[in-house]
């Protein structure tokens, strides 16, 4: 599942996952499946638009 090591002090407050878009989507799907339910906001992943 999402890991506290993904959180950092600098903006946006988390470390981006490496890999391709498809790899990151598979990770989200796998971590959601392992959770056994729909996740709460931020429980599995954060989504950030750097242009926002």
N, C-alpha and C. Protein backbone atom coordinates (compact mmCIF):
# COMPACT_ATOMS: atom_id res chain seq x y z
N UNK A 1 0.83 -1.19 0.00
CA UNK A 1 0.00 0.00 0.00
C UNK A 1 0.87 1.24 0.00
N UNK A 2 0.21 2.40 -0.12
CA UNK A 2 0.93 3.66 -0.05
C UNK A 2 1.80 3.67 1.20
N UNK A 3 2.89 4.34 1.13
CA UNK A 3 3.90 4.22 2.17
C UNK A 3 4.22 5.59 2.73
N UNK A 4 4.43 5.66 4.04
CA UNK A 4 4.79 6.93 4.67
C UNK A 4 6.07 7.50 4.08
N UNK A 5 6.93 6.62 3.51
CA UNK A 5 8.16 7.11 2.89
C UNK A 5 7.86 7.94 1.64
N UNK A 6 6.63 7.84 1.12
CA UNK A 6 6.24 8.65 -0.04
C UNK A 6 6.00 10.10 0.36
N UNK A 7 5.84 10.37 1.66
CA UNK A 7 5.57 11.73 2.13
C UNK A 7 6.88 12.47 2.34
N UNK A 8 6.91 13.75 1.92
CA UNK A 8 8.12 14.57 2.06
C UNK A 8 7.74 15.96 2.55
N UNK A 9 8.72 16.71 2.99
CA UNK A 9 8.49 18.06 3.51
C UNK A 9 8.20 19.07 2.40
N UNK A 10 8.85 18.93 1.24
CA UNK A 10 8.72 19.91 0.18
C UNK A 10 7.38 19.78 -0.54
N UNK A 11 6.96 20.88 -1.16
CA UNK A 11 5.74 20.90 -1.95
C UNK A 11 5.89 19.93 -3.11
N UNK A 12 4.97 19.08 -3.42
CA UNK A 12 3.58 19.04 -3.00
C UNK A 12 3.33 18.20 -1.75
N UNK A 13 4.38 17.74 -1.05
CA UNK A 13 4.20 16.99 0.19
C UNK A 13 4.31 15.48 0.03
N UNK A 14 4.61 15.01 -1.15
CA UNK A 14 4.79 13.58 -1.37
C UNK A 14 5.77 13.35 -2.51
N UNK A 15 6.38 12.16 -2.52
CA UNK A 15 7.33 11.79 -3.56
C UNK A 15 6.58 11.09 -4.69
N UNK A 16 6.77 11.57 -5.90
CA UNK A 16 6.11 10.94 -7.05
C UNK A 16 6.65 9.53 -7.26
N UNK A 17 5.77 8.61 -7.64
CA UNK A 17 6.19 7.25 -7.96
C UNK A 17 6.92 7.24 -9.29
N UNK A 18 7.93 6.41 -9.39
CA UNK A 18 8.63 6.25 -10.66
C UNK A 18 7.85 5.29 -11.55
N UNK A 19 8.27 5.18 -12.79
CA UNK A 19 7.64 4.25 -13.72
C UNK A 19 6.76 4.95 -14.73
N UNK A 20 6.25 4.15 -15.63
CA UNK A 20 5.37 4.67 -16.68
C UNK A 20 3.97 4.91 -16.12
N UNK A 21 3.17 5.61 -16.89
CA UNK A 21 1.78 5.84 -16.50
C UNK A 21 1.08 4.51 -16.24
N UNK A 22 1.28 3.54 -17.12
CA UNK A 22 0.65 2.22 -16.97
C UNK A 22 1.10 1.52 -15.69
N UNK A 23 2.40 1.62 -15.37
CA UNK A 23 2.92 1.01 -14.14
C UNK A 23 2.30 1.67 -12.90
N UNK A 24 2.17 2.98 -12.93
CA UNK A 24 1.57 3.68 -11.78
C UNK A 24 0.08 3.33 -11.64
N UNK A 25 -0.63 3.22 -12.76
CA UNK A 25 -2.04 2.83 -12.70
C UNK A 25 -2.20 1.40 -12.18
N UNK A 26 -1.29 0.51 -12.60
CA UNK A 26 -1.33 -0.87 -12.07
C UNK A 26 -1.06 -0.88 -10.57
N UNK A 27 -0.15 -0.03 -10.11
CA UNK A 27 0.15 0.05 -8.68
C UNK A 27 -1.07 0.53 -7.91
N UNK A 28 -1.75 1.54 -8.41
CA UNK A 28 -2.97 2.03 -7.76
C UNK A 28 -4.01 0.91 -7.70
N UNK A 29 -4.20 0.20 -8.82
CA UNK A 29 -5.17 -0.90 -8.86
C UNK A 29 -4.80 -1.99 -7.87
N UNK A 30 -3.51 -2.38 -7.82
CA UNK A 30 -3.07 -3.45 -6.92
C UNK A 30 -3.23 -3.04 -5.46
N UNK A 31 -2.88 -1.81 -5.14
CA UNK A 31 -2.98 -1.35 -3.76
C UNK A 31 -4.44 -1.19 -3.33
N UNK A 32 -5.30 -0.79 -4.25
CA UNK A 32 -6.73 -0.70 -3.95
C UNK A 32 -7.30 -2.10 -3.73
N UNK A 33 -6.91 -3.06 -4.58
CA UNK A 33 -7.37 -4.44 -4.41
C UNK A 33 -6.88 -5.02 -3.08
N UNK A 34 -5.63 -4.76 -2.72
CA UNK A 34 -5.09 -5.25 -1.45
C UNK A 34 -5.82 -4.64 -0.26
N UNK A 35 -6.30 -3.42 -0.42
CA UNK A 35 -7.04 -2.74 0.65
C UNK A 35 -8.39 -3.42 0.88
N UNK A 36 -8.98 -3.97 -0.20
CA UNK A 36 -10.23 -4.70 -0.07
C UNK A 36 -11.48 -3.83 -0.07
N UNK A 37 -11.29 -2.57 -0.38
CA UNK A 37 -12.42 -1.63 -0.42
C UNK A 37 -11.95 -0.40 -1.17
N UNK A 38 -12.88 0.50 -1.49
CA UNK A 38 -12.47 1.76 -2.11
C UNK A 38 -11.70 2.59 -1.09
N UNK A 39 -10.58 3.16 -1.47
CA UNK A 39 -9.76 3.91 -0.52
C UNK A 39 -10.34 5.28 -0.19
N UNK A 40 -9.97 5.76 0.97
CA UNK A 40 -10.25 7.14 1.36
C UNK A 40 -9.27 8.04 0.61
N UNK A 41 -9.57 9.31 0.51
CA UNK A 41 -8.67 10.26 -0.15
C UNK A 41 -7.27 10.18 0.45
N UNK A 42 -6.27 9.98 -0.42
CA UNK A 42 -4.88 9.94 0.02
C UNK A 42 -4.44 8.64 0.64
N UNK A 43 -5.32 7.66 0.76
CA UNK A 43 -4.97 6.41 1.42
C UNK A 43 -4.06 5.53 0.56
N UNK A 44 -4.24 5.56 -0.75
CA UNK A 44 -3.43 4.76 -1.65
C UNK A 44 -2.47 5.64 -2.44
N UNK A 45 -2.95 6.77 -2.91
CA UNK A 45 -2.12 7.64 -3.74
C UNK A 45 -2.66 9.06 -3.70
N UNK A 46 -1.77 9.99 -4.01
CA UNK A 46 -2.16 11.38 -4.18
C UNK A 46 -2.04 11.69 -5.67
N UNK A 47 -2.93 12.48 -6.19
CA UNK A 47 -2.85 12.92 -7.58
C UNK A 47 -2.58 14.41 -7.56
N UNK A 48 -1.56 14.80 -8.28
CA UNK A 48 -1.11 16.21 -8.25
C UNK A 48 -0.93 16.71 -9.67
N UNK A 49 -1.47 17.87 -9.96
CA UNK A 49 -1.29 18.53 -11.26
C UNK A 49 -0.31 19.67 -11.04
N UNK A 50 0.95 19.49 -11.44
CA UNK A 50 1.97 20.52 -11.18
C UNK A 50 1.67 21.85 -11.86
N UNK A 51 0.80 21.85 -12.86
CA UNK A 51 0.48 23.12 -13.52
C UNK A 51 -0.61 23.89 -12.79
N UNK A 52 -1.22 23.27 -11.77
CA UNK A 52 -2.32 23.92 -11.04
C UNK A 52 -1.80 24.96 -10.07
